[in-house]
PDB file of N, CA and C in Angstrom:
ATOM      1  N   UNK A   1      60.033  97.261  34.360  1.00  0.00           N
ATOM      2  CA  UNK A   1      60.479  98.549  33.862  1.00  0.00           C
ATOM      3  C   UNK A   1      61.818  98.399  33.154  1.00  0.00           C
ATOM      4  N   UNK A   2      62.224  99.464  32.514  1.00  0.00           N
ATOM      5  CA  UNK A   2      63.464  99.413  31.720  1.00  0.00           C
ATOM      6  C   UNK A   2      64.680  99.054  32.568  1.00  0.00           C
ATOM      7  N   UNK A   3      64.729  99.518  33.794  1.00  0.00           N
ATOM      8  CA  UNK A   3      65.880  99.240  34.661  1.00  0.00           C
ATOM      9  C   UNK A   3      66.042  97.759  34.936  1.00  0.00           C
ATOM     10  N   UNK A   4      64.919  97.082  35.153  1.00  0.00           N
ATOM     11  CA  UNK A   4      64.960  95.638  35.397  1.00  0.00           C
ATOM     12  C   UNK A   4      65.499  94.896  34.185  1.00  0.00           C
ATOM     13  N   UNK A   5      65.125  95.340  33.012  1.00  0.00           N
ATOM     14  CA  UNK A   5      65.594  94.672  31.800  1.00  0.00           C
ATOM     15  C   UNK A   5      67.074  94.917  31.555  1.00  0.00           C
ATOM     16  N   UNK A   6      67.520  96.136  31.784  1.00  0.00           N
ATOM     17  CA  UNK A   6      68.948  96.426  31.630  1.00  0.00           C
ATOM     18  C   UNK A   6      69.756  95.585  32.611  1.00  0.00           C
ATOM     19  N   UNK A   7      69.308  95.520  33.850  1.00  0.00           N
ATOM     20  CA  UNK A   7      70.007  94.731  34.869  1.00  0.00           C
ATOM     21  C   UNK A   7      70.012  93.247  34.498  1.00  0.00           C
ATOM     22  N   UNK A   8      68.889  92.738  34.026  1.00  0.00           N
ATOM     23  CA  UNK A   8      68.807  91.320  33.656  1.00  0.00           C
ATOM     24  C   UNK A   8      69.726  91.009  32.469  1.00  0.00           C
ATOM     25  N   UNK A   9      69.762  91.894  31.498  1.00  0.00           N
ATOM     26  CA  UNK A   9      70.647  91.694  30.345  1.00  0.00           C
ATOM     27  C   UNK A   9      72.106  91.691  30.785  1.00  0.00           C
ATOM     28  N   UNK A  10      72.447  92.603  31.681  1.00  0.00           N
ATOM     29  CA  UNK A  10      73.820  92.687  32.182  1.00  0.00           C
ATOM     30  C   UNK A  10      74.190  91.428  32.959  1.00  0.00           C
ATOM     31  N   UNK A  11      73.302  90.999  33.832  1.00  0.00           N
ATOM     32  CA  UNK A  11      73.576  89.805  34.639  1.00  0.00           C
ATOM     33  C   UNK A  11      73.670  88.553  33.778  1.00  0.00           C
ATOM     34  N   UNK A  12      72.868  88.483  32.717  1.00  0.00           N
ATOM     35  CA  UNK A  12      72.907  87.319  31.820  1.00  0.00           C
ATOM     36  C   UNK A  12      74.278  87.171  31.172  1.00  0.00           C
ATOM     37  N   UNK A  13      74.992  88.276  31.048  1.00  0.00           N
ATOM     38  CA  UNK A  13      76.357  88.242  30.503  1.00  0.00           C
ATOM     39  C   UNK A  13      77.415  88.207  31.596  1.00  0.00           C
ATOM     40  N   UNK A  14      76.974  88.059  32.822  1.00  0.00           N
ATOM     41  CA  UNK A  14      77.886  88.017  33.978  1.00  0.00           C
ATOM     42  C   UNK A  14      78.816  89.224  34.009  1.00  0.00           C
ATOM     43  N   UNK A  15      78.231  90.397  33.765  1.00  0.00           N
ATOM     44  CA  UNK A  15      78.996  91.640  33.760  1.00  0.00           C
ATOM     45  C   UNK A  15      78.693  92.439  35.014  1.00  0.00           C
ATOM     46  N   UNK A  16      79.674  93.190  35.466  1.00  0.00           N
ATOM     47  CA  UNK A  16      79.445  94.148  36.534  1.00  0.00           C
ATOM     48  C   UNK A  16      78.931  95.444  35.909  1.00  0.00           C
ATOM     49  N   UNK A  17      78.404  96.313  36.747  1.00  0.00           N
ATOM     50  CA  UNK A  17      77.991  97.623  36.249  1.00  0.00           C
ATOM     51  C   UNK A  17      79.193  98.362  35.686  1.00  0.00           C
ATOM     52  N   UNK A  18      80.329  98.220  36.334  1.00  0.00           N
ATOM     53  CA  UNK A  18      81.559  98.874  35.869  1.00  0.00           C
ATOM     54  C   UNK A  18      81.956  98.390  34.482  1.00  0.00           C
ATOM     55  N   UNK A  19      81.868  97.087  34.249  1.00  0.00           N
ATOM     56  CA  UNK A  19      82.226  96.530  32.944  1.00  0.00           C
ATOM     57  C   UNK A  19      81.276  97.029  31.861  1.00  0.00           C
ATOM     58  N   UNK A  20      79.985  97.039  32.167  1.00  0.00           N
ATOM     59  CA  UNK A  20      79.013  97.521  31.188  1.00  0.00           C
ATOM     60  C   UNK A  20      79.247  98.996  30.893  1.00  0.00           C
ATOM     61  N   UNK A  21      79.441  99.775  31.934  1.00  0.00           N
ATOM     62  CA  UNK A  21      79.680 101.207  31.750  1.00  0.00           C
ATOM     63  C   UNK A  21      80.901 101.441  30.877  1.00  0.00           C
ATOM     64  N   UNK A  22      81.959 100.716  31.138  1.00  0.00           N
ATOM     65  CA  UNK A  22      83.181 100.856  30.355  1.00  0.00           C
ATOM     66  C   UNK A  22      82.946 100.484  28.895  1.00  0.00           C
ATOM     67  N   UNK A  23      82.200  99.432  28.660  1.00  0.00           N
ATOM     68  CA  UNK A  23      81.907  98.988  27.288  1.00  0.00           C
ATOM     69  C   UNK A  23      81.084 100.013  26.520  1.00  0.00           C
ATOM     70  N   UNK A  24      80.262 100.753  27.249  1.00  0.00           N
ATOM     71  CA  UNK A  24      79.379 101.731  26.603  1.00  0.00           C
ATOM     72  C   UNK A  24      79.918 103.157  26.642  1.00  0.00           C
ATOM     73  N   UNK A  25      81.039 103.350  27.331  1.00  0.00           N
ATOM     74  CA  UNK A  25      81.592 104.697  27.450  1.00  0.00           C
ATOM     75  C   UNK A  25      80.793 105.570  28.406  1.00  0.00           C
ATOM     76  N   UNK A  26      80.249 104.942  29.449  1.00  0.00           N
ATOM     77  CA  UNK A  26      79.445 105.646  30.436  1.00  0.00           C
ATOM     78  C   UNK A  26      80.087 105.520  31.810  1.00  0.00           C
ATOM     79  N   UNK A  27      79.525 106.225  32.779  1.00  0.00           N
ATOM     80  CA  UNK A  27      79.958 106.087  34.166  1.00  0.00           C
ATOM     81  C   UNK A  27      79.168 104.964  34.831  1.00  0.00           C
ATOM     82  N   UNK A  28      79.791 104.296  35.797  1.00  0.00           N
ATOM     83  CA  UNK A  28      79.100 103.224  36.505  1.00  0.00           C
ATOM     84  C   UNK A  28      77.856 103.747  37.211  1.00  0.00           C
ATOM     85  N   UNK A  29      77.956 104.942  37.749  1.00  0.00           N
ATOM     86  CA  UNK A  29      76.811 105.520  38.454  1.00  0.00           C
ATOM     87  C   UNK A  29      75.615 105.699  37.515  1.00  0.00           C
ATOM     88  N   UNK A  30      75.870 105.971  36.254  1.00  0.00           N
ATOM     89  CA  UNK A  30      74.771 106.097  35.284  1.00  0.00           C
ATOM     90  C   UNK A  30      74.053 104.764  35.124  1.00  0.00           C
ATOM     91  N   UNK A  31      74.829 103.682  35.007  1.00  0.00           N
ATOM     92  CA  UNK A  31      74.220 102.355  34.889  1.00  0.00           C
ATOM     93  C   UNK A  31      73.394 102.058  36.135  1.00  0.00           C
ATOM     94  N   UNK A  32      73.928 102.385  37.294  1.00  0.00           N
ATOM     95  CA  UNK A  32      73.200 102.174  38.543  1.00  0.00           C
ATOM     96  C   UNK A  32      71.880 102.942  38.549  1.00  0.00           C
ATOM     97  N   UNK A  33      71.916 104.193  38.117  1.00  0.00           N
ATOM     98  CA  UNK A  33      70.687 105.002  38.061  1.00  0.00           C
ATOM     99  C   UNK A  33      69.670 104.391  37.110  1.00  0.00           C
ATOM    100  N   UNK A  34      70.128 103.917  35.963  1.00  0.00           N
ATOM    101  CA  UNK A  34      69.202 103.297  34.994  1.00  0.00           C
ATOM    102  C   UNK A  34      68.593 102.034  35.578  1.00  0.00           C
ATOM    103  N   UNK A  35      69.428 101.185  36.158  1.00  0.00           N
ATOM    104  CA  UNK A  35      68.956  99.902  36.681  1.00  0.00           C
ATOM    105  C   UNK A  35      68.012 100.075  37.866  1.00  0.00           C
ATOM    106  N   UNK A  36      68.177 101.142  38.612  1.00  0.00           N
ATOM    107  CA  UNK A  36      67.320 101.394  39.770  1.00  0.00           C
ATOM    108  C   UNK A  36      66.173 102.348  39.448  1.00  0.00           C
ATOM    109  N   UNK A  37      65.977 102.609  38.161  1.00  0.00           N
ATOM    110  CA  UNK A  37      64.873 103.451  37.682  1.00  0.00           C
ATOM    111  C   UNK A  37      64.855 104.842  38.303  1.00  0.00           C
ATOM    112  N   UNK A  38      66.056 105.345  38.608  1.00  0.00           N
ATOM    113  CA  UNK A  38      66.154 106.708  39.117  1.00  0.00           C
ATOM    114  C   UNK A  38      66.309 107.717  37.989  1.00  0.00           C
ATOM    115  N   UNK A  39      66.771 107.203  36.844  1.00  0.00           N
ATOM    116  CA  UNK A  39      66.970 108.053  35.671  1.00  0.00           C
ATOM    117  C   UNK A  39      66.711 107.209  34.436  1.00  0.00           C
ATOM    118  N   UNK A  40      66.186 107.839  33.391  1.00  0.00           N
ATOM    119  CA  UNK A  40      66.001 107.147  32.116  1.00  0.00           C
ATOM    120  C   UNK A  40      67.169 107.483  31.212  1.00  0.00           C
ATOM    121  N   UNK A  41      67.670 106.482  30.474  1.00  0.00           N
ATOM    122  CA  UNK A  41      68.735 106.785  29.519  1.00  0.00           C
ATOM    123  C   UNK A  41      68.178 107.660  28.396  1.00  0.00           C
ATOM    124  N   UNK A  42      68.995 108.597  27.912  1.00  0.00           N
ATOM    125  CA  UNK A  42      68.543 109.378  26.763  1.00  0.00           C
ATOM    126  C   UNK A  42      68.499 108.452  25.545  1.00  0.00           C
ATOM    127  N   UNK A  43      67.947 108.949  24.453  1.00  0.00           N
ATOM    128  CA  UNK A  43      67.716 108.095  23.289  1.00  0.00           C
ATOM    129  C   UNK A  43      69.010 107.489  22.753  1.00  0.00           C
ATOM    130  N   UNK A  44      70.062 108.268  22.647  1.00  0.00           N
ATOM    131  CA  UNK A  44      71.348 107.740  22.144  1.00  0.00           C
ATOM    132  C   UNK A  44      71.889 106.632  23.036  1.00  0.00           C
ATOM    133  N   UNK A  45      71.779 106.837  24.327  1.00  0.00           N
ATOM    134  CA  UNK A  45      72.265 105.833  25.269  1.00  0.00           C
ATOM    135  C   UNK A  45      71.406 104.577  25.198  1.00  0.00           C
ATOM    136  N   UNK A  46      70.112 104.756  25.063  1.00  0.00           N
ATOM    137  CA  UNK A  46      69.207 103.617  24.915  1.00  0.00           C
ATOM    138  C   UNK A  46      69.591 102.787  23.689  1.00  0.00           C
ATOM    139  N   UNK A  47      69.897 103.454  22.602  1.00  0.00           N
ATOM    140  CA  UNK A  47      70.318 102.752  21.385  1.00  0.00           C
ATOM    141  C   UNK A  47      71.638 102.017  21.621  1.00  0.00           C
ATOM    142  N   UNK A  48      72.581 102.654  22.303  1.00  0.00           N
ATOM    143  CA  UNK A  48      73.862 101.998  22.627  1.00  0.00           C
ATOM    144  C   UNK A  48      73.645 100.724  23.426  1.00  0.00           C
ATOM    145  N   UNK A  49      72.781 100.819  24.421  1.00  0.00           N
ATOM    146  CA  UNK A  49      72.505  99.659  25.280  1.00  0.00           C
ATOM    147  C   UNK A  49      71.852  98.544  24.463  1.00  0.00           C
ATOM    148  N   UNK A  50      70.846  98.908  23.674  1.00  0.00           N
ATOM    149  CA  UNK A  50      70.152  97.911  22.852  1.00  0.00           C
ATOM    150  C   UNK A  50      71.111  97.262  21.857  1.00  0.00           C
ATOM    151  N   UNK A  51      71.930  98.046  21.194  1.00  0.00           N
ATOM    152  CA  UNK A  51      72.898  97.498  20.235  1.00  0.00           C
ATOM    153  C   UNK A  51      73.893  96.577  20.931  1.00  0.00           C
ATOM    154  N   UNK A  52      74.365  96.981  22.088  1.00  0.00           N
ATOM    155  CA  UNK A  52      75.343  96.181  22.819  1.00  0.00           C
ATOM    156  C   UNK A  52      74.775  94.797  23.153  1.00  0.00           C
ATOM    157  N   UNK A  53      73.523  94.772  23.600  1.00  0.00           N
ATOM    158  CA  UNK A  53      72.909  93.505  23.988  1.00  0.00           C
ATOM    159  C   UNK A  53      72.176  92.812  22.840  1.00  0.00           C
ATOM    160  N   UNK A  54      72.187  93.434  21.672  1.00  0.00           N
ATOM    161  CA  UNK A  54      71.533  92.878  20.483  1.00  0.00           C
ATOM    162  C   UNK A  54      70.036  92.627  20.718  1.00  0.00           C
ATOM    163  N   UNK A  55      69.400  93.645  21.274  1.00  0.00           N
ATOM    164  CA  UNK A  55      67.954  93.640  21.471  1.00  0.00           C
ATOM    165  C   UNK A  55      67.411  94.944  20.891  1.00  0.00           C
ATOM    166  N   UNK A  56      66.113  95.047  20.796  1.00  0.00           N
ATOM    167  CA  UNK A  56      65.518  96.290  20.297  1.00  0.00           C
ATOM    168  C   UNK A  56      65.316  97.278  21.442  1.00  0.00           C
ATOM    169  N   UNK A  57      65.217  98.530  21.081  1.00  0.00           N
ATOM    170  CA  UNK A  57      64.921  99.540  22.100  1.00  0.00           C
ATOM    171  C   UNK A  57      63.542  99.279  22.693  1.00  0.00           C
ATOM    172  N   UNK A  58      62.613  98.808  21.876  1.00  0.00           N
ATOM    173  CA  UNK A  58      61.269  98.484  22.379  1.00  0.00           C
ATOM    174  C   UNK A  58      61.335  97.426  23.471  1.00  0.00           C
ATOM    175  N   UNK A  59      62.201  96.439  23.304  1.00  0.00           N
ATOM    176  CA  UNK A  59      62.330  95.397  24.314  1.00  0.00           C
ATOM    177  C   UNK A  59      62.718  96.010  25.668  1.00  0.00           C
ATOM    178  N   UNK A  60      63.616  96.965  25.624  1.00  0.00           N
ATOM    179  CA  UNK A  60      64.098  97.572  26.871  1.00  0.00           C
ATOM    180  C   UNK A  60      63.029  98.450  27.521  1.00  0.00           C
ATOM    181  N   UNK A  61      62.312  99.218  26.744  1.00  0.00           N
ATOM    182  CA  UNK A  61      61.389 100.193  27.343  1.00  0.00           C
ATOM    183  C   UNK A  61      59.981  99.645  27.597  1.00  0.00           C
ATOM    184  N   UNK A  62      59.687  98.459  27.123  1.00  0.00           N
ATOM    185  CA  UNK A  62      58.332  97.904  27.350  1.00  0.00           C
ATOM    186  C   UNK A  62      58.331  96.782  28.341  1.00  0.00           C
TER     187      UNK A  62
END
């Protein structure tokens, strides 16, 4: 699921949830919710995440 991919991308860069959240202008709790599949990122946030990790939005959601 998308949460697993976001978490894997973050870990591959040796980042904490706090660091990723700060880089994206989000709250750490939001990253936690996304990674644990409790909430889906809205489209703008999905694009931010994909751009940050230099992957496509399709990669994250499929």
